[in-house]
Amino acid sequence: MTRARSAEDGRAAFATITTKGRELRKKMWAVYESTVAELFLKQFSVDEQAQLSAGLNKAAIAIRDRDKTSTESE
């Protein structure tokens, strides 16, 4: 992970996962996937899981769009 302070707001920091971090996350997921499914996802119906996924994807897209816009305006 890398961390950088926001140029606009010194209180904020941005964390970015590195290539090495992505590789480690893939290895870790193999260990934790079944536990996450059992303790978290199992609590939701298939429809609720789809709604949660759609909501998280929508939020991620909004953040990427915001970041793209702020980078272009610099």
PDB file of N, CA and C in Angstrom:
ATOM      1  N   MET A   1       0.847  -1.161   0.000  1.00  0.00           N
ATOM      2  CA  MET A   1       0.000   0.000   0.000  1.00  0.00           C
ATOM      3  C   MET A   1       0.900   1.233   0.000  1.00  0.00           C
ATOM      4  N   THR A   2       0.393   2.227  -0.662  1.00  0.00           N
ATOM      5  CA  THR A   2       1.027   3.537  -0.577  1.00  0.00           C
ATOM      6  C   THR A   2       0.010   4.490   0.026  1.00  0.00           C
ATOM      7  N   ARG A   3       0.501   5.525   0.667  1.00  0.00           N
ATOM      8  CA  ARG A   3      -0.390   6.491   1.279  1.00  0.00           C
ATOM      9  C   ARG A   3       0.110   7.891   0.947  1.00  0.00           C
ATOM     10  N   ALA A   4      -0.835   8.765   0.594  1.00  0.00           N
ATOM     11  CA  ALA A   4      -0.483  10.138   0.268  1.00  0.00           C
ATOM     12  C   ALA A   4      -1.514  11.075   0.880  1.00  0.00           C
ATOM     13  N   ARG A   5      -1.064  12.219   1.323  1.00  0.00           N
ATOM     14  CA  ARG A   5      -1.961  13.244   1.860  1.00  0.00           C
ATOM     15  C   ARG A   5      -2.673  13.953   0.719  1.00  0.00           C
ATOM     16  N   SER A   6      -3.874  14.364   0.981  1.00  0.00           N
ATOM     17  CA  SER A   6      -4.651  15.130   0.015  1.00  0.00           C
ATOM     18  C   SER A   6      -4.053  16.527  -0.106  1.00  0.00           C
ATOM     19  N   ALA A   7      -3.862  16.992  -1.329  1.00  0.00           N
ATOM     20  CA  ALA A   7      -3.364  18.344  -1.559  1.00  0.00           C
ATOM     21  C   ALA A   7      -4.424  19.377  -1.183  1.00  0.00           C
ATOM     22  N   GLU A   8      -5.691  18.996  -1.281  1.00  0.00           N
ATOM     23  CA  GLU A   8      -6.791  19.913  -1.005  1.00  0.00           C
ATOM     24  C   GLU A   8      -7.148  19.980   0.478  1.00  0.00           C
ATOM     25  N   ASP A   9      -6.974  18.868   1.185  1.00  0.00           N
ATOM     26  CA  ASP A   9      -7.363  18.808   2.586  1.00  0.00           C
ATOM     27  C   ASP A   9      -6.315  17.988   3.333  1.00  0.00           C
ATOM     28  N   GLY A  10      -5.450  18.653   4.048  1.00  0.00           N
ATOM     29  CA  GLY A  10      -4.353  17.980   4.742  1.00  0.00           C
ATOM     30  C   GLY A  10      -4.781  16.942   5.756  1.00  0.00           C
ATOM     31  N   ARG A  11      -6.047  16.954   6.148  1.00  0.00           N
ATOM     32  CA  ARG A  11      -6.544  15.954   7.099  1.00  0.00           C
ATOM     33  C   ARG A  11      -6.784  14.618   6.415  1.00  0.00           C
ATOM     34  N   ALA A  12      -6.993  14.644   5.106  1.00  0.00           N
ATOM     35  CA  ALA A  12      -7.344  13.429   4.359  1.00  0.00           C
ATOM     36  C   ALA A  12      -6.085  12.744   3.834  1.00  0.00           C
ATOM     37  N   ALA A  13      -6.171  11.445   3.719  1.00  0.00           N
ATOM     38  CA  ALA A  13      -5.096  10.657   3.133  1.00  0.00           C
ATOM     39  C   ALA A  13      -5.709   9.647   2.173  1.00  0.00           C
ATOM     40  N   PHE A  14      -4.970   9.343   1.131  1.00  0.00           N
ATOM     41  CA  PHE A  14      -5.425   8.372   0.140  1.00  0.00           C
ATOM     42  C   PHE A  14      -4.524   7.147   0.205  1.00  0.00           C
ATOM     43  N   ALA A  15      -5.126   5.984   0.274  1.00  0.00           N
ATOM     44  CA  ALA A  15      -4.378   4.728   0.264  1.00  0.00           C
ATOM     45  C   ALA A  15      -4.591   4.066  -1.093  1.00  0.00           C
ATOM     46  N   THR A  16      -3.522   3.587  -1.655  1.00  0.00           N
ATOM     47  CA  THR A  16      -3.581   2.920  -2.956  1.00  0.00           C
ATOM     48  C   THR A  16      -2.882   1.575  -2.841  1.00  0.00           C
ATOM     49  N   ILE A  17      -3.534   0.557  -3.363  1.00  0.00           N
ATOM     50  CA  ILE A  17      -2.930  -0.775  -3.317  1.00  0.00           C
ATOM     51  C   ILE A  17      -1.919  -0.899  -4.465  1.00  0.00           C
ATOM     52  N   THR A  18      -0.767  -1.458  -4.149  1.00  0.00           N
ATOM     53  CA  THR A  18       0.294  -1.636  -5.134  1.00  0.00           C
ATOM     54  C   THR A  18       0.105  -2.970  -5.855  1.00  0.00           C
ATOM     55  N   THR A  19       0.878  -3.180  -6.890  1.00  0.00           N
ATOM     56  CA  THR A  19       0.834  -4.455  -7.622  1.00  0.00           C
ATOM     57  C   THR A  19       1.173  -5.609  -6.678  1.00  0.00           C
ATOM     58  N   LYS A  20       2.188  -5.421  -5.861  1.00  0.00           N
ATOM     59  CA  LYS A  20       2.569  -6.453  -4.888  1.00  0.00           C
ATOM     60  C   LYS A  20       1.419  -6.708  -3.908  1.00  0.00           C
ATOM     61  N   GLY A  21       0.739  -5.652  -3.504  1.00  0.00           N
ATOM     62  CA  GLY A  21      -0.408  -5.784  -2.608  1.00  0.00           C
ATOM     63  C   GLY A  21      -1.548  -6.549  -3.258  1.00  0.00           C
ATOM     64  N   ARG A  22      -1.794  -6.297  -4.539  1.00  0.00           N
ATOM     65  CA  ARG A  22      -2.848  -7.032  -5.262  1.00  0.00           C
ATOM     66  C   ARG A  22      -2.534  -8.520  -5.316  1.00  0.00           C
ATOM     67  N   GLU A  23      -1.260  -8.842  -5.551  1.00  0.00           N
ATOM     68  CA  GLU A  23      -0.844 -10.247  -5.596  1.00  0.00           C
ATOM     69  C   GLU A  23      -1.062 -10.911  -4.236  1.00  0.00           C
ATOM     70  N   LEU A  24      -0.699 -10.213  -3.168  1.00  0.00           N
ATOM     71  CA  LEU A  24      -0.895 -10.752  -1.822  1.00  0.00           C
ATOM     72  C   LEU A  24      -2.375 -10.914  -1.515  1.00  0.00           C
ATOM     73  N   ARG A  25      -3.186  -9.948  -1.933  1.00  0.00           N
ATOM     74  CA  ARG A  25      -4.633 -10.030  -1.702  1.00  0.00           C
ATOM     75  C   ARG A  25      -5.217 -11.262  -2.380  1.00  0.00           C
ATOM     76  N   LYS A  26      -4.766 -11.582  -3.584  1.00  0.00           N
ATOM     77  CA  LYS A  26      -5.254 -12.780  -4.278  1.00  0.00           C
ATOM     78  C   LYS A  26      -4.911 -14.039  -3.490  1.00  0.00           C
ATOM     79  N   LYS A  27      -3.696 -14.101  -2.964  1.00  0.00           N
ATOM     80  CA  LYS A  27      -3.288 -15.268  -2.174  1.00  0.00           C
ATOM     81  C   LYS A  27      -4.111 -15.361  -0.886  1.00  0.00           C
ATOM     82  N   MET A  28      -4.327 -14.225  -0.242  1.00  0.00           N
ATOM     83  CA  MET A  28      -5.088 -14.207   1.008  1.00  0.00           C
ATOM     84  C   MET A  28      -6.537 -14.596   0.773  1.00  0.00           C
ATOM     85  N   TRP A  29      -7.105 -14.171  -0.357  1.00  0.00           N
ATOM     86  CA  TRP A  29      -8.516 -14.444  -0.621  1.00  0.00           C
ATOM     87  C   TRP A  29      -8.789 -15.942  -0.672  1.00  0.00           C
ATOM     88  N   ALA A  30      -7.842 -16.702  -1.169  1.00  0.00           N
ATOM     89  CA  ALA A  30      -8.023 -18.155  -1.222  1.00  0.00           C
ATOM     90  C   ALA A  30      -8.254 -18.725   0.179  1.00  0.00           C
ATOM     91  N   VAL A  31      -7.654 -18.109   1.181  1.00  0.00           N
ATOM     92  CA  VAL A  31      -7.793 -18.558   2.563  1.00  0.00           C
ATOM     93  C   VAL A  31      -9.099 -18.049   3.184  1.00  0.00           C
ATOM     94  N   TYR A  32      -9.445 -16.789   2.917  1.00  0.00           N
ATOM     95  CA  TYR A  32     -10.557 -16.144   3.620  1.00  0.00           C
ATOM     96  C   TYR A  32     -11.911 -16.218   2.910  1.00  0.00           C
ATOM     97  N   GLU A  33     -11.939 -16.598   1.653  1.00  0.00           N
ATOM     98  CA  GLU A  33     -13.185 -16.571   0.879  1.00  0.00           C
ATOM     99  C   GLU A  33     -14.309 -17.362   1.542  1.00  0.00           C
ATOM    100  N   SER A  34     -14.031 -18.572   1.971  1.00  0.00           N
ATOM    101  CA  SER A  34     -15.095 -19.398   2.560  1.00  0.00           C
ATOM    102  C   SER A  34     -15.584 -18.819   3.890  1.00  0.00           C
ATOM    103  N   THR A  35     -14.697 -18.239   4.669  1.00  0.00           N
ATOM    104  CA  THR A  35     -15.098 -17.642   5.942  1.00  0.00           C
ATOM    105  C   THR A  35     -15.964 -16.411   5.713  1.00  0.00           C
ATOM    106  N   VAL A  36     -15.582 -15.569   4.739  1.00  0.00           N
ATOM    107  CA  VAL A  36     -16.388 -14.388   4.411  1.00  0.00           C
ATOM    108  C   VAL A  36     -17.778 -14.825   3.950  1.00  0.00           C
ATOM    109  N   ALA A  37     -17.824 -15.846   3.112  1.00  0.00           N
ATOM    110  CA  ALA A  37     -19.117 -16.343   2.621  1.00  0.00           C
ATOM    111  C   ALA A  37     -19.971 -16.853   3.781  1.00  0.00           C
ATOM    112  N   GLU A  38     -19.364 -17.610   4.677  1.00  0.00           N
ATOM    113  CA  GLU A  38     -20.117 -18.210   5.784  1.00  0.00           C
ATOM    114  C   GLU A  38     -20.578 -17.171   6.805  1.00  0.00           C
ATOM    115  N   LEU A  39     -19.688 -16.273   7.190  1.00  0.00           N
ATOM    116  CA  LEU A  39     -20.012 -15.349   8.283  1.00  0.00           C
ATOM    117  C   LEU A  39     -20.679 -14.057   7.822  1.00  0.00           C
ATOM    118  N   PHE A  40     -20.546 -13.721   6.555  1.00  0.00           N
ATOM    119  CA  PHE A  40     -21.108 -12.460   6.086  1.00  0.00           C
ATOM    120  C   PHE A  40     -22.159 -12.680   5.003  1.00  0.00           C
ATOM    121  N   LEU A  41     -21.755 -13.200   3.870  1.00  0.00           N
ATOM    122  CA  LEU A  41     -22.676 -13.313   2.732  1.00  0.00           C
ATOM    123  C   LEU A  41     -23.850 -14.240   3.008  1.00  0.00           C
ATOM    124  N   LYS A  42     -23.627 -15.265   3.781  1.00  0.00           N
ATOM    125  CA  LYS A  42     -24.692 -16.238   4.090  1.00  0.00           C
ATOM    126  C   LYS A  42     -25.879 -15.572   4.802  1.00  0.00           C
ATOM    127  N   GLN A  43     -25.637 -14.420   5.396  1.00  0.00           N
ATOM    128  CA  GLN A  43     -26.686 -13.717   6.129  1.00  0.00           C
ATOM    129  C   GLN A  43     -27.683 -13.026   5.208  1.00  0.00           C
ATOM    130  N   PHE A  44     -27.339 -12.929   3.917  1.00  0.00           N
ATOM    131  CA  PHE A  44     -28.162 -12.225   2.936  1.00  0.00           C
ATOM    132  C   PHE A  44     -28.711 -13.196   1.891  1.00  0.00           C
ATOM    133  N   SER A  45     -29.896 -12.899   1.391  1.00  0.00           N
ATOM    134  CA  SER A  45     -30.449 -13.693   0.293  1.00  0.00           C
ATOM    135  C   SER A  45     -29.658 -13.380  -0.977  1.00  0.00           C
ATOM    136  N   VAL A  46     -29.871 -14.180  -2.000  1.00  0.00           N
ATOM    137  CA  VAL A  46     -29.194 -13.949  -3.283  1.00  0.00           C
ATOM    138  C   VAL A  46     -29.538 -12.559  -3.819  1.00  0.00           C
ATOM    139  N   ASP A  47     -30.816 -12.170  -3.709  1.00  0.00           N
ATOM    140  CA  ASP A  47     -31.234 -10.834  -4.166  1.00  0.00           C
ATOM    141  C   ASP A  47     -30.554  -9.732  -3.347  1.00  0.00           C
ATOM    142  N   GLU A  48     -30.462  -9.921  -2.046  1.00  0.00           N
ATOM    143  CA  GLU A  48     -29.806  -8.924  -1.190  1.00  0.00           C
ATOM    144  C   GLU A  48     -28.320  -8.822  -1.513  1.00  0.00           C
ATOM    145  N   GLN A  49     -27.690  -9.957  -1.789  1.00  0.00           N
ATOM    146  CA  GLN A  49     -26.279  -9.944  -2.179  1.00  0.00           C
ATOM    147  C   GLN A  49     -26.090  -9.166  -3.482  1.00  0.00           C
ATOM    148  N   ALA A  50     -26.997  -9.355  -4.426  1.00  0.00           N
ATOM    149  CA  ALA A  50     -26.928  -8.637  -5.702  1.00  0.00           C
ATOM    150  C   ALA A  50     -27.104  -7.138  -5.486  1.00  0.00           C
ATOM    151  N   GLN A  51     -28.034  -6.761  -4.597  1.00  0.00           N
ATOM    152  CA  GLN A  51     -28.250  -5.338  -4.297  1.00  0.00           C
ATOM    153  C   GLN A  51     -27.021  -4.736  -3.623  1.00  0.00           C
ATOM    154  N   LEU A  52     -26.425  -5.454  -2.695  1.00  0.00           N
ATOM    155  CA  LEU A  52     -25.221  -4.988  -2.013  1.00  0.00           C
ATOM    156  C   LEU A  52     -24.083  -4.808  -3.008  1.00  0.00           C
ATOM    157  N   SER A  53     -23.911  -5.789  -3.869  1.00  0.00           N
ATOM    158  CA  SER A  53     -22.862  -5.724  -4.888  1.00  0.00           C
ATOM    159  C   SER A  53     -23.071  -4.530  -5.821  1.00  0.00           C
ATOM    160  N   ALA A  54     -24.308  -4.343  -6.258  1.00  0.00           N
ATOM    161  CA  ALA A  54     -24.614  -3.219  -7.154  1.00  0.00           C
ATOM    162  C   ALA A  54     -24.343  -1.880  -6.463  1.00  0.00           C
ATOM    163  N   GLY A  55     -24.714  -1.770  -5.202  1.00  0.00           N
ATOM    164  CA  GLY A  55     -24.484  -0.540  -4.454  1.00  0.00           C
ATOM    165  C   GLY A  55     -23.006  -0.243  -4.269  1.00  0.00           C
ATOM    166  N   LEU A  56     -22.229  -1.271  -3.942  1.00  0.00           N
ATOM    167  CA  LEU A  56     -20.786  -1.075  -3.779  1.00  0.00           C
ATOM    168  C   LEU A  56     -20.122  -0.723  -5.107  1.00  0.00           C
ATOM    169  N   ASN A  57     -20.559  -1.365  -6.178  1.00  0.00           N
ATOM    170  CA  ASN A  57     -20.013  -1.037  -7.505  1.00  0.00           C
ATOM    171  C   ASN A  57     -20.342   0.406  -7.885  1.00  0.00           C
ATOM    172  N   LYS A  58     -21.562   0.836  -7.592  1.00  0.00           N
ATOM    173  CA  LYS A  58     -21.977   2.204  -7.892  1.00  0.00           C
ATOM    174  C   LYS A  58     -21.100   3.204  -7.130  1.00  0.00           C
ATOM    175  N   ALA A  59     -20.845   2.918  -5.869  1.00  0.00           N
ATOM    176  CA  ALA A  59     -19.987   3.792  -5.057  1.00  0.00           C
ATOM    177  C   ALA A  59     -18.562   3.813  -5.603  1.00  0.00           C
ATOM    178  N   ALA A  60     -18.035   2.661  -5.993  1.00  0.00           N
ATOM    179  CA  ALA A  60     -16.676   2.593  -6.532  1.00  0.00           C
ATOM    180  C   ALA A  60     -16.559   3.388  -7.829  1.00  0.00           C
ATOM    181  N   ILE A  61     -17.554   3.286  -8.688  1.00  0.00           N
ATOM    182  CA  ILE A  61     -17.552   4.036  -9.955  1.00  0.00           C
ATOM    183  C   ILE A  61     -17.586   5.536  -9.672  1.00  0.00           C
ATOM    184  N   ALA A  62     -18.405   5.949  -8.711  1.00  0.00           N
ATOM    185  CA  ALA A  62     -18.495   7.371  -8.366  1.00  0.00           C
ATOM    186  C   ALA A  62     -17.153   7.894  -7.870  1.00  0.00           C
ATOM    187  N   ILE A  63     -16.461   7.113  -7.073  1.00  0.00           N
ATOM    188  CA  ILE A  63     -15.149   7.527  -6.562  1.00  0.00           C
ATOM    189  C   ILE A  63     -14.143   7.617  -7.700  1.00  0.00           C
ATOM    190  N   ARG A  64     -14.145   6.614  -8.583  1.00  0.00           N
ATOM    191  CA  ARG A  64     -13.208   6.655  -9.726  1.00  0.00           C
ATOM    192  C   ARG A  64     -13.496   7.846 -10.622  1.00  0.00           C
ATOM    193  N   ASP A  65     -14.773   8.114 -10.872  1.00  0.00           N
ATOM    194  CA  ASP A  65     -15.145   9.263 -11.705  1.00  0.00           C
ATOM    195  C   ASP A  65     -14.714  10.571 -11.048  1.00  0.00           C
ATOM    196  N   ARG A  66     -14.919  10.680  -9.750  1.00  0.00           N
ATOM    197  CA  ARG A  66     -14.513  11.879  -9.022  1.00  0.00           C
ATOM    198  C   ARG A  66     -12.999  12.066  -9.083  1.00  0.00           C
ATOM    199  N   ASP A  67     -12.279  10.969  -8.881  1.00  0.00           N
ATOM    200  CA  ASP A  67     -10.819  11.045  -8.926  1.00  0.00           C
ATOM    201  C   ASP A  67     -10.325  11.413 -10.314  1.00  0.00           C
ATOM    202  N   LYS A  68     -10.973  10.858 -11.333  1.00  0.00           N
ATOM    203  CA  LYS A  68     -10.594  11.173 -12.711  1.00  0.00           C
ATOM    204  C   LYS A  68     -10.832  12.652 -13.006  1.00  0.00           C
ATOM    205  N   THR A  69     -11.967  13.163 -12.556  1.00  0.00           N
ATOM    206  CA  THR A  69     -12.308  14.558 -12.768  1.00  0.00           C
ATOM    207  C   THR A  69     -11.342  15.490 -12.050  1.00  0.00           C
ATOM    208  N   SER A  70     -11.007  15.155 -10.796  1.00  0.00           N
ATOM    209  CA  SER A  70     -10.100  16.018 -10.034  1.00  0.00           C
ATOM    210  C   SER A  70      -8.698  15.960 -10.607  1.00  0.00           C
ATOM    211  N   THR A  71      -8.265  14.828 -11.140  1.00  0.00           N
ATOM    212  CA  THR A  71      -6.942  14.705 -11.752  1.00  0.00           C
ATOM    213  C   THR A  71      -6.876  15.504 -13.050  1.00  0.00           C
ATOM    214  N   GLU A  72      -7.954  15.476 -13.827  1.00  0.00           N
ATOM    215  CA  GLU A  72      -7.977  16.204 -15.090  1.00  0.00           C
ATOM    216  C   GLU A  72      -7.972  17.708 -14.882  1.00  0.00           C
ATOM    217  N   SER A  73      -8.541  18.176 -13.762  1.00  0.00           N
ATOM    218  CA  SER A  73      -8.622  19.614 -13.526  1.00  0.00           C
ATOM    219  C   SER A  73      -7.346  20.185 -12.930  1.00  0.00           C
ATOM    220  N   GLU A  74      -6.399  19.338 -12.554  1.00  0.00           N
ATOM    221  CA  GLU A  74      -5.146  19.811 -11.944  1.00  0.00           C
ATOM    222  C   GLU A  74      -4.186  20.308 -12.974  1.00  0.00           C
TER     223      GLU A  74
END
